[in-house]
């Protein structure tokens, strides 16, 4: 019995020593630059999911801060490329806190703006992505107005403003269809006030003429018709507004055309 106990004791002791040797086993250090090269090769081949994993691994092992920062921003771009927008934004925020002086910080802010921009849907959907995207672009243009990315974001901002105007017009037309005149007028006035440089300003002015005239406020209708006529007197929306306020519009137009044709014939004969 005692002999059996001694044998078991020595077996446990040997097992313990063996485990300790495994715990303290020294493993060769992985070359982080080889990991980065592997990540970049995957990135070049369009395997962004694998690339982002390897860029993260490279970042953890790189000793030079500048190189680690580059791996981090590449991981973010890889996540963006596979539409993992939330994960990309989360990693960019981590990057900005960890590497605030990195030379690619401007690109990080640009990438944030692009991610928000690409989540915009049409004018029938939620307004929040439009507002968030515009805020991010405004931040970039305010802080980095002369960067190489500014021109692209200015163009995208114009698209956003047009889409915001389209959203207001879409809602206004819905209110008109349900005969909710006051909310419709308020929405149309937002376009006149805030989005007068967009392609939707002419229709917004016409809808104001149309709505005010329908509810019997002819003075207000004429006010917006005069604005439309002064700025866009050759547009189809002005012609439609003119028809509302001038019942003899068709007769006037036909007489004008006859007069113009007569003048052309006279000039032709003189020639």
C-alpha atoms as a PDB file:
ATOM      1  CA  UNK A   1       0.000   0.000   0.000  1.00  0.00           C
ATOM      2  CA  UNK A   2       2.790   2.388   0.949  1.00  0.00           C
ATOM      3  CA  UNK A   3       4.694   1.408  -2.207  1.00  0.00           C
ATOM      4  CA  UNK A   4       1.653   2.207  -4.352  1.00  0.00           C
ATOM      5  CA  UNK A   5       1.330   5.629  -2.671  1.00  0.00           C
ATOM      6  CA  UNK A   6       5.009   6.440  -3.347  1.00  0.00           C
ATOM      7  CA  UNK A   7       4.664   5.461  -7.030  1.00  0.00           C
ATOM      8  CA  UNK A   8       1.544   7.672  -7.456  1.00  0.00           C
ATOM      9  CA  UNK A   9       3.328  10.586  -5.707  1.00  0.00           C
ATOM     10  CA  UNK A  10       6.329  10.401  -8.072  1.00  0.00           C
ATOM     11  CA  UNK A  11       4.033  10.163 -11.120  1.00  0.00           C
ATOM     12  CA  UNK A  12       2.185  13.360 -10.056  1.00  0.00           C
ATOM     13  CA  UNK A  13       5.517  15.097  -9.444  1.00  0.00           C
ATOM     14  CA  UNK A  14       6.829  14.152 -12.876  1.00  0.00           C
ATOM     15  CA  UNK A  15       3.589  15.286 -14.517  1.00  0.00           C
ATOM     16  CA  UNK A  16       3.796  18.648 -12.731  1.00  0.00           C
ATOM     17  CA  UNK A  17       7.383  19.192 -13.849  1.00  0.00           C
ATOM     18  CA  UNK A  18       6.404  18.335 -17.407  1.00  0.00           C
ATOM     19  CA  UNK A  19       3.567  20.916 -17.371  1.00  0.00           C
ATOM     20  CA  UNK A  20       5.899  23.594 -16.016  1.00  0.00           C
ATOM     21  CA  UNK A  21       8.290  22.971 -18.873  1.00  0.00           C
ATOM     22  CA  UNK A  22       5.438  23.502 -21.349  1.00  0.00           C
ATOM     23  CA  UNK A  23       4.349  26.761 -19.681  1.00  0.00           C
ATOM     24  CA  UNK A  24       7.807  28.258 -19.911  1.00  0.00           C
ATOM     25  CA  UNK A  25       8.482  27.017 -23.410  1.00  0.00           C
ATOM     26  CA  UNK A  26       9.973  29.857 -25.517  1.00  0.00           C
ATOM     27  CA  UNK A  27       8.345  30.310 -28.911  1.00  0.00           C
ATOM     28  CA  UNK A  28      10.046  32.071 -31.805  1.00  0.00           C
ATOM     29  CA  UNK A  29       8.732  35.622 -32.405  1.00  0.00           C
ATOM     30  CA  UNK A  30       6.637  36.092 -35.537  1.00  0.00           C
ATOM     31  CA  UNK A  31       8.007  38.638 -37.991  1.00  0.00           C
ATOM     32  CA  UNK A  32       5.267  41.340 -38.125  1.00  0.00           C
ATOM     33  CA  UNK A  33       6.427  42.571 -41.510  1.00  0.00           C
ATOM     34  CA  UNK A  34       5.789  39.169 -43.019  1.00  0.00           C
ATOM     35  CA  UNK A  35       2.277  39.300 -41.544  1.00  0.00           C
ATOM     36  CA  UNK A  36       1.790  42.768 -43.039  1.00  0.00           C
ATOM     37  CA  UNK A  37       2.977  41.548 -46.443  1.00  0.00           C
ATOM     38  CA  UNK A  38       0.526  38.639 -46.222  1.00  0.00           C
ATOM     39  CA  UNK A  39      -2.261  41.081 -45.339  1.00  0.00           C
ATOM     40  CA  UNK A  40      -1.381  43.429 -48.179  1.00  0.00           C
ATOM     41  CA  UNK A  41      -1.241  40.588 -50.704  1.00  0.00           C
ATOM     42  CA  UNK A  42      -4.735  39.488 -49.633  1.00  0.00           C
ATOM     43  CA  UNK A  43      -5.891  43.104 -49.889  1.00  0.00           C
ATOM     44  CA  UNK A  44      -4.515  43.418 -53.425  1.00  0.00           C
ATOM     45  CA  UNK A  45      -6.331  40.201 -54.378  1.00  0.00           C
ATOM     46  CA  UNK A  46      -9.637  41.507 -53.013  1.00  0.00           C
ATOM     47  CA  UNK A  47      -9.752  39.149 -50.036  1.00  0.00           C
ATOM     48  CA  UNK A  48     -10.605  41.970 -47.637  1.00  0.00           C
ATOM     49  CA  UNK A  49     -11.967  39.774 -44.854  1.00  0.00           C
ATOM     50  CA  UNK A  50      -8.701  37.861 -44.510  1.00  0.00           C
ATOM     51  CA  UNK A  51      -6.706  41.070 -45.037  1.00  0.00           C
ATOM     52  CA  UNK A  52      -8.333  42.899 -42.120  1.00  0.00           C
ATOM     53  CA  UNK A  53      -7.556  39.987 -39.784  1.00  0.00           C
ATOM     54  CA  UNK A  54      -3.903  40.019 -40.812  1.00  0.00           C
ATOM     55  CA  UNK A  55      -3.610  43.813 -40.611  1.00  0.00           C
ATOM     56  CA  UNK A  56      -4.916  43.650 -37.039  1.00  0.00           C
ATOM     57  CA  UNK A  57      -2.376  40.932 -36.228  1.00  0.00           C
ATOM     58  CA  UNK A  58       0.439  42.944 -37.793  1.00  0.00           C
ATOM     59  CA  UNK A  59      -0.533  46.046 -35.812  1.00  0.00           C
ATOM     60  CA  UNK A  60      -0.303  44.143 -32.518  1.00  0.00           C
ATOM     61  CA  UNK A  61       3.217  42.958 -33.323  1.00  0.00           C
ATOM     62  CA  UNK A  62       4.752  46.012 -34.982  1.00  0.00           C
ATOM     63  CA  UNK A  63       7.130  47.990 -32.742  1.00  0.00           C
ATOM     64  CA  UNK A  64       7.356  51.139 -34.879  1.00  0.00           C
ATOM     65  CA  UNK A  65       4.285  53.310 -34.182  1.00  0.00           C
ATOM     66  CA  UNK A  66       4.060  54.688 -37.716  1.00  0.00           C
ATOM     67  CA  UNK A  67       3.926  51.184 -39.182  1.00  0.00           C
ATOM     68  CA  UNK A  68       1.394  49.983 -36.596  1.00  0.00           C
ATOM     69  CA  UNK A  69      -0.803  52.989 -37.410  1.00  0.00           C
ATOM     70  CA  UNK A  70      -0.635  52.148 -41.133  1.00  0.00           C
ATOM     71  CA  UNK A  71      -1.720  48.575 -40.386  1.00  0.00           C
ATOM     72  CA  UNK A  72      -4.625  49.902 -38.327  1.00  0.00           C
ATOM     73  CA  UNK A  73      -5.934  52.224 -41.032  1.00  0.00           C
ATOM     74  CA  UNK A  74      -5.562  49.462 -43.635  1.00  0.00           C
ATOM     75  CA  UNK A  75      -7.633  47.178 -41.415  1.00  0.00           C
ATOM     76  CA  UNK A  76     -10.337  49.865 -41.279  1.00  0.00           C
ATOM     77  CA  UNK A  77     -10.340  50.243 -45.049  1.00  0.00           C
ATOM     78  CA  UNK A  78     -10.586  46.468 -45.472  1.00  0.00           C
ATOM     79  CA  UNK A  79     -13.625  46.404 -43.166  1.00  0.00           C
ATOM     80  CA  UNK A  80     -15.186  49.255 -45.138  1.00  0.00           C
ATOM     81  CA  UNK A  81     -14.559  47.349 -48.385  1.00  0.00           C
ATOM     82  CA  UNK A  82     -16.740  44.443 -47.208  1.00  0.00           C
ATOM     83  CA  UNK A  83     -19.441  46.836 -45.925  1.00  0.00           C
ATOM     84  CA  UNK A  84     -18.666  46.183 -42.249  1.00  0.00           C
ATOM     85  CA  UNK A  85     -19.394  49.855 -41.635  1.00  0.00           C
ATOM     86  CA  UNK A  86     -19.913  49.755 -37.864  1.00  0.00           C
ATOM     87  CA  UNK A  87     -16.743  47.748 -37.309  1.00  0.00           C
ATOM     88  CA  UNK A  88     -14.772  50.073 -39.617  1.00  0.00           C
ATOM     89  CA  UNK A  89     -16.004  53.173 -37.765  1.00  0.00           C
ATOM     90  CA  UNK A  90     -15.227  51.596 -34.400  1.00  0.00           C
ATOM     91  CA  UNK A  91     -11.671  50.798 -35.486  1.00  0.00           C
ATOM     92  CA  UNK A  92     -11.161  54.286 -36.937  1.00  0.00           C
ATOM     93  CA  UNK A  93     -12.166  55.812 -33.602  1.00  0.00           C
ATOM     94  CA  UNK A  94      -9.659  53.548 -31.866  1.00  0.00           C
ATOM     95  CA  UNK A  95      -7.022  54.515 -34.430  1.00  0.00           C
ATOM     96  CA  UNK A  96      -7.631  58.261 -33.898  1.00  0.00           C
ATOM     97  CA  UNK A  97      -7.251  57.906 -30.127  1.00  0.00           C
ATOM     98  CA  UNK A  98      -4.192  55.683 -30.329  1.00  0.00           C
ATOM     99  CA  UNK A  99      -2.363  57.472 -33.167  1.00  0.00           C
ATOM    100  CA  UNK A 100      -3.543  61.124 -33.072  1.00  0.00           C
ATOM    101  CA  UNK A 101      -0.348  62.436 -34.702  1.00  0.00           C
ATOM    102  CA  UNK A 102      -0.239  59.902 -37.526  1.00  0.00           C
ATOM    103  CA  UNK A 103       0.206  61.307 -41.034  1.00  0.00           C
ATOM    104  CA  UNK A 104      -2.872  59.398 -42.268  1.00  0.00           C
ATOM    105  CA  UNK A 105      -5.262  61.021 -39.776  1.00  0.00           C
ATOM    106  CA  UNK A 106      -6.754  63.171 -42.586  1.00  0.00           C
ATOM    107  CA  UNK A 107      -7.557  60.055 -44.576  1.00  0.00           C
ATOM    108  CA  UNK A 108      -9.195  58.533 -41.473  1.00  0.00           C
ATOM    109  CA  UNK A 109     -11.601  61.484 -41.250  1.00  0.00           C
ATOM    110  CA  UNK A 110     -12.252  61.234 -44.995  1.00  0.00           C
ATOM    111  CA  UNK A 111     -13.051  57.537 -44.668  1.00  0.00           C
ATOM    112  CA  UNK A 112     -15.538  58.285 -41.870  1.00  0.00           C
ATOM    113  CA  UNK A 113     -17.333  60.796 -44.137  1.00  0.00           C
ATOM    114  CA  UNK A 114     -17.401  58.287 -47.002  1.00  0.00           C
ATOM    115  CA  UNK A 115     -18.826  55.524 -44.792  1.00  0.00           C
ATOM    116  CA  UNK A 116     -21.688  57.758 -43.665  1.00  0.00           C
ATOM    117  CA  UNK A 117     -22.266  58.949 -47.236  1.00  0.00           C
ATOM    118  CA  UNK A 118     -22.547  55.404 -48.571  1.00  0.00           C
ATOM    119  CA  UNK A 119     -25.260  54.584 -46.038  1.00  0.00           C
ATOM    120  CA  UNK A 120     -27.608  57.192 -47.512  1.00  0.00           C
ATOM    121  CA  UNK A 121     -30.743  55.821 -49.149  1.00  0.00           C
ATOM    122  CA  UNK A 122     -33.372  57.589 -51.276  1.00  0.00           C
ATOM    123  CA  UNK A 123     -35.544  60.523 -50.240  1.00  0.00           C
ATOM    124  CA  UNK A 124     -38.363  58.249 -49.040  1.00  0.00           C
ATOM    125  CA  UNK A 125     -36.204  56.783 -46.265  1.00  0.00           C
ATOM    126  CA  UNK A 126     -34.907  58.080 -42.942  1.00  0.00           C
ATOM    127  CA  UNK A 127     -33.363  61.575 -42.851  1.00  0.00           C
ATOM    128  CA  UNK A 128     -30.765  60.721 -40.157  1.00  0.00           C
ATOM    129  CA  UNK A 129     -28.112  59.214 -42.496  1.00  0.00           C
ATOM    130  CA  UNK A 130     -28.286  62.376 -44.614  1.00  0.00           C
ATOM    131  CA  UNK A 131     -27.825  64.637 -41.589  1.00  0.00           C
ATOM    132  CA  UNK A 132     -24.983  62.548 -40.139  1.00  0.00           C
ATOM    133  CA  UNK A 133     -23.213  62.378 -43.488  1.00  0.00           C
ATOM    134  CA  UNK A 134     -23.497  66.149 -43.982  1.00  0.00           C
ATOM    135  CA  UNK A 135     -22.150  66.760 -40.452  1.00  0.00           C
ATOM    136  CA  UNK A 136     -19.098  64.562 -41.088  1.00  0.00           C
ATOM    137  CA  UNK A 137     -18.409  66.200 -44.451  1.00  0.00           C
ATOM    138  CA  UNK A 138     -18.806  69.686 -42.942  1.00  0.00           C
ATOM    139  CA  UNK A 139     -16.322  68.737 -40.209  1.00  0.00           C
ATOM    140  CA  UNK A 140     -13.791  67.576 -42.787  1.00  0.00           C
ATOM    141  CA  UNK A 141     -14.184  70.629 -45.027  1.00  0.00           C
ATOM    142  CA  UNK A 142     -13.848  72.956 -42.047  1.00  0.00           C
ATOM    143  CA  UNK A 143     -10.670  71.314 -40.753  1.00  0.00           C
ATOM    144  CA  UNK A 144      -9.022  70.171 -43.999  1.00  0.00           C
ATOM    145  CA  UNK A 145     -10.321  72.524 -46.748  1.00  0.00           C
ATOM    146  CA  UNK A 146      -7.165  72.266 -48.863  1.00  0.00           C
ATOM    147  CA  UNK A 147      -6.641  68.514 -48.723  1.00  0.00           C
ATOM    148  CA  UNK A 148      -6.765  66.311 -51.797  1.00  0.00           C
ATOM    149  CA  UNK A 149     -10.069  64.817 -50.611  1.00  0.00           C
ATOM    150  CA  UNK A 150     -11.907  68.158 -50.238  1.00  0.00           C
ATOM    151  CA  UNK A 151     -13.070  68.383 -53.864  1.00  0.00           C
ATOM    152  CA  UNK A 152     -14.666  64.948 -53.727  1.00  0.00           C
ATOM    153  CA  UNK A 153     -16.465  65.744 -50.469  1.00  0.00           C
ATOM    154  CA  UNK A 154     -17.711  69.105 -51.770  1.00  0.00           C
ATOM    155  CA  UNK A 155     -19.317  67.258 -54.672  1.00  0.00           C
ATOM    156  CA  UNK A 156     -20.845  64.715 -52.297  1.00  0.00           C
ATOM    157  CA  UNK A 157     -22.142  67.503 -50.057  1.00  0.00           C
ATOM    158  CA  UNK A 158     -24.004  68.996 -53.040  1.00  0.00           C
ATOM    159  CA  UNK A 159     -25.596  65.604 -53.662  1.00  0.00           C
ATOM    160  CA  UNK A 160     -26.609  65.370 -50.005  1.00  0.00           C
ATOM    161  CA  UNK A 161     -28.187  68.839 -50.011  1.00  0.00           C
ATOM    162  CA  UNK A 162     -30.142  67.948 -53.148  1.00  0.00           C
ATOM    163  CA  UNK A 163     -31.339  64.758 -51.502  1.00  0.00           C
ATOM    164  CA  UNK A 164     -32.377  66.639 -48.354  1.00  0.00           C
ATOM    165  CA  UNK A 165     -34.393  69.005 -50.527  1.00  0.00           C
ATOM    166  CA  UNK A 166     -35.921  66.014 -52.308  1.00  0.00           C
ATOM    167  CA  UNK A 167     -36.933  64.590 -48.928  1.00  0.00           C
ATOM    168  CA  UNK A 168     -38.655  67.852 -47.947  1.00  0.00           C
ATOM    169  CA  UNK A 169     -40.478  67.983 -51.286  1.00  0.00           C
ATOM    170  CA  UNK A 170     -41.542  64.348 -51.017  1.00  0.00           C
ATOM    171  CA  UNK A 171     -43.081  64.980 -47.580  1.00  0.00           C
ATOM    172  CA  UNK A 172     -44.699  68.236 -48.734  1.00  0.00           C
ATOM    173  CA  UNK A 173     -46.358  66.490 -51.685  1.00  0.00           C
ATOM    174  CA  UNK A 174     -47.626  63.784 -49.357  1.00  0.00           C
ATOM    175  CA  UNK A 175     -49.236  66.458 -47.147  1.00  0.00           C
ATOM    176  CA  UNK A 176     -50.760  68.085 -50.236  1.00  0.00           C
ATOM    177  CA  UNK A 177     -52.235  64.732 -51.296  1.00  0.00           C
ATOM    178  CA  UNK A 178     -53.843  64.368 -47.855  1.00  0.00           C
ATOM    179  CA  UNK A 179     -54.971  68.043 -47.838  1.00  0.00           C
ATOM    180  CA  UNK A 180     -52.822  68.978 -44.846  1.00  0.00           C
ATOM    181  CA  UNK A 181     -52.070  72.426 -46.175  1.00  0.00           C
ATOM    182  CA  UNK A 182     -50.157  74.021 -43.293  1.00  0.00           C
ATOM    183  CA  UNK A 183     -47.570  71.194 -42.894  1.00  0.00           C
ATOM    184  CA  UNK A 184     -47.196  71.137 -46.682  1.00  0.00           C
ATOM    185  CA  UNK A 185     -46.557  74.901 -46.828  1.00  0.00           C
ATOM    186  CA  UNK A 186     -44.035  74.674 -43.973  1.00  0.00           C
ATOM    187  CA  UNK A 187     -42.068  71.956 -45.768  1.00  0.00           C
ATOM    188  CA  UNK A 188     -42.065  73.899 -49.025  1.00  0.00           C
ATOM    189  CA  UNK A 189     -40.844  77.022 -47.245  1.00  0.00           C
ATOM    190  CA  UNK A 190     -37.904  75.029 -45.846  1.00  0.00           C
ATOM    191  CA  UNK A 191     -36.820  74.320 -49.436  1.00  0.00           C
ATOM    192  CA  UNK A 192     -37.172  78.005 -50.385  1.00  0.00           C
ATOM    193  CA  UNK A 193     -35.186  79.086 -47.318  1.00  0.00           C
ATOM    194  CA  UNK A 194     -32.479  76.404 -47.005  1.00  0.00           C
ATOM    195  CA  UNK A 195     -32.242  74.667 -50.389  1.00  0.00           C
ATOM    196  CA  UNK A 196     -32.716  77.479 -52.916  1.00  0.00           C
ATOM    197  CA  UNK A 197     -29.614  76.373 -54.849  1.00  0.00           C
ATOM    198  CA  UNK A 198     -30.991  72.890 -55.535  1.00  0.00           C
ATOM    199  CA  UNK A 199     -32.888  71.615 -58.578  1.00  0.00           C
ATOM    200  CA  UNK A 200     -36.063  71.366 -56.475  1.00  0.00           C
ATOM    201  CA  UNK A 201     -36.510  75.099 -55.828  1.00  0.00           C
ATOM    202  CA  UNK A 202     -38.636  75.680 -58.957  1.00  0.00           C
ATOM    203  CA  UNK A 203     -41.126  72.937 -58.134  1.00  0.00           C
ATOM    204  CA  UNK A 204     -41.261  74.041 -54.483  1.00  0.00           C
ATOM    205  CA  UNK A 205     -42.185  77.593 -55.532  1.00  0.00           C
ATOM    206  CA  UNK A 206     -44.832  76.276 -57.918  1.00  0.00           C
ATOM    207  CA  UNK A 207     -46.332  74.052 -55.219  1.00  0.00           C
ATOM    208  CA  UNK A 208     -46.563  77.101 -52.937  1.00  0.00           C
ATOM    209  CA  UNK A 209     -48.428  78.996 -55.683  1.00  0.00           C
ATOM    210  CA  UNK A 210     -50.687  75.999 -56.216  1.00  0.00           C
ATOM    211  CA  UNK A 211     -51.401  75.427 -52.507  1.00  0.00           C
ATOM    212  CA  UNK A 212     -51.980  79.071 -51.547  1.00  0.00           C
ATOM    213  CA  UNK A 213     -54.272  79.579 -54.535  1.00  0.00           C
ATOM    214  CA  UNK A 214     -56.265  76.453 -53.679  1.00  0.00           C
ATOM    215  CA  UNK A 215     -56.918  77.581 -50.091  1.00  0.00           C
ATOM    216  CA  UNK A 216     -57.915  81.072 -51.248  1.00  0.00           C
ATOM    217  CA  UNK A 217     -54.784  83.058 -50.331  1.00  0.00           C
ATOM    218  CA  UNK A 218     -54.282  84.548 -53.784  1.00  0.00           C
ATOM    219  CA  UNK A 219     -51.985  87.330 -52.571  1.00  0.00           C
ATOM    220  CA  UNK A 220     -49.503  84.767 -51.197  1.00  0.00           C
ATOM    221  CA  UNK A 221     -49.844  82.703 -54.370  1.00  0.00           C
ATOM    222  CA  UNK A 222     -48.952  85.761 -56.484  1.00  0.00           C
ATOM    223  CA  UNK A 223     -45.971  86.535 -54.238  1.00  0.00           C
ATOM    224  CA  UNK A 224     -44.377  83.134 -54.878  1.00  0.00           C
ATOM    225  CA  UNK A 225     -45.381  83.237 -58.540  1.00  0.00           C
ATOM    226  CA  UNK A 226     -43.498  86.529 -58.902  1.00  0.00           C
ATOM    227  CA  UNK A 227     -40.399  84.965 -57.297  1.00  0.00           C
ATOM    228  CA  UNK A 228     -40.676  82.010 -59.659  1.00  0.00           C
ATOM    229  CA  UNK A 229     -41.212  84.293 -62.642  1.00  0.00           C
ATOM    230  CA  UNK A 230     -38.339  86.624 -61.766  1.00  0.00           C
ATOM    231  CA  UNK A 231     -35.793  83.818 -61.354  1.00  0.00           C
ATOM    232  CA  UNK A 232     -37.096  81.039 -63.608  1.00  0.00           C
ATOM    233  CA  UNK A 233     -39.463  82.619 -66.144  1.00  0.00           C
ATOM    234  CA  UNK A 234     -38.548  80.122 -68.862  1.00  0.00           C
ATOM    235  CA  UNK A 235     -39.183  76.986 -66.791  1.00  0.00           C
ATOM    236  CA  UNK A 236     -42.097  74.586 -67.112  1.00  0.00           C
ATOM    237  CA  UNK A 237     -42.966  75.178 -63.433  1.00  0.00           C
ATOM    238  CA  UNK A 238     -43.411  78.897 -64.114  1.00  0.00           C
ATOM    239  CA  UNK A 239     -45.717  78.133 -67.030  1.00  0.00           C
ATOM    240  CA  UNK A 240     -47.827  75.896 -64.797  1.00  0.00           C
ATOM    241  CA  UNK A 241     -48.022  78.595 -62.122  1.00  0.00           C
ATOM    242  CA  UNK A 242     -48.944  81.145 -64.793  1.00  0.00           C
ATOM    243  CA  UNK A 243     -51.815  78.884 -65.879  1.00  0.00           C
ATOM    244  CA  UNK A 244     -53.168  78.837 -62.330  1.00  0.00           C
ATOM    245  CA  UNK A 245     -53.220  82.620 -61.990  1.00  0.00           C
ATOM    246  CA  UNK A 246     -54.112  83.404 -65.634  1.00  0.00           C
ATOM    247  CA  UNK A 247     -57.029  81.496 -67.057  1.00  0.00           C
ATOM    248  CA  UNK A 248     -56.421  83.009 -70.522  1.00  0.00           C
ATOM    249  CA  UNK A 249     -52.871  81.615 -70.584  1.00  0.00           C
ATOM    250  CA  UNK A 250     -53.512  79.225 -73.506  1.00  0.00           C
ATOM    251  CA  UNK A 251     -55.089  81.994 -75.571  1.00  0.00           C
ATOM    252  CA  UNK A 252     -52.194  84.317 -74.723  1.00  0.00           C
ATOM    253  CA  UNK A 253     -49.679  81.645 -75.743  1.00  0.00           C
ATOM    254  CA  UNK A 254     -51.382  80.944 -79.081  1.00  0.00           C
ATOM    255  CA  UNK A 255     -51.535  84.664 -79.902  1.00  0.00           C
ATOM    256  CA  UNK A 256     -47.853  85.027 -78.986  1.00  0.00           C
ATOM    257  CA  UNK A 257     -46.894  82.113 -81.236  1.00  0.00           C
ATOM    258  CA  UNK A 258     -48.929  83.548 -84.154  1.00  0.00           C
ATOM    259  CA  UNK A 259     -47.249  86.920 -83.676  1.00  0.00           C
ATOM    260  CA  UNK A 260     -43.772  85.312 -83.610  1.00  0.00           C
ATOM    261  CA  UNK A 261     -44.554  83.307 -86.783  1.00  0.00           C
ATOM    262  CA  UNK A 262     -45.780  86.464 -88.529  1.00  0.00           C
ATOM    263  CA  UNK A 263     -42.561  88.318 -87.651  1.00  0.00           C
ATOM    264  CA  UNK A 264     -40.480  85.377 -88.928  1.00  0.00           C
ATOM    265  CA  UNK A 265     -42.387  85.392 -92.246  1.00  0.00           C
ATOM    266  CA  UNK A 266     -41.897  89.128 -92.686  1.00  0.00           C
ATOM    267  CA  UNK A 267     -38.147  88.840 -91.955  1.00  0.00           C
ATOM    268  CA  UNK A 268     -37.889  85.956 -94.420  1.00  0.00           C
ATOM    269  CA  UNK A 269     -39.521  88.031 -97.175  1.00  0.00           C
ATOM    270  CA  UNK A 270     -37.236  91.002 -96.467  1.00  0.00           C
ATOM    271  CA  UNK A 271     -34.205  88.734 -96.812  1.00  0.00           C
END
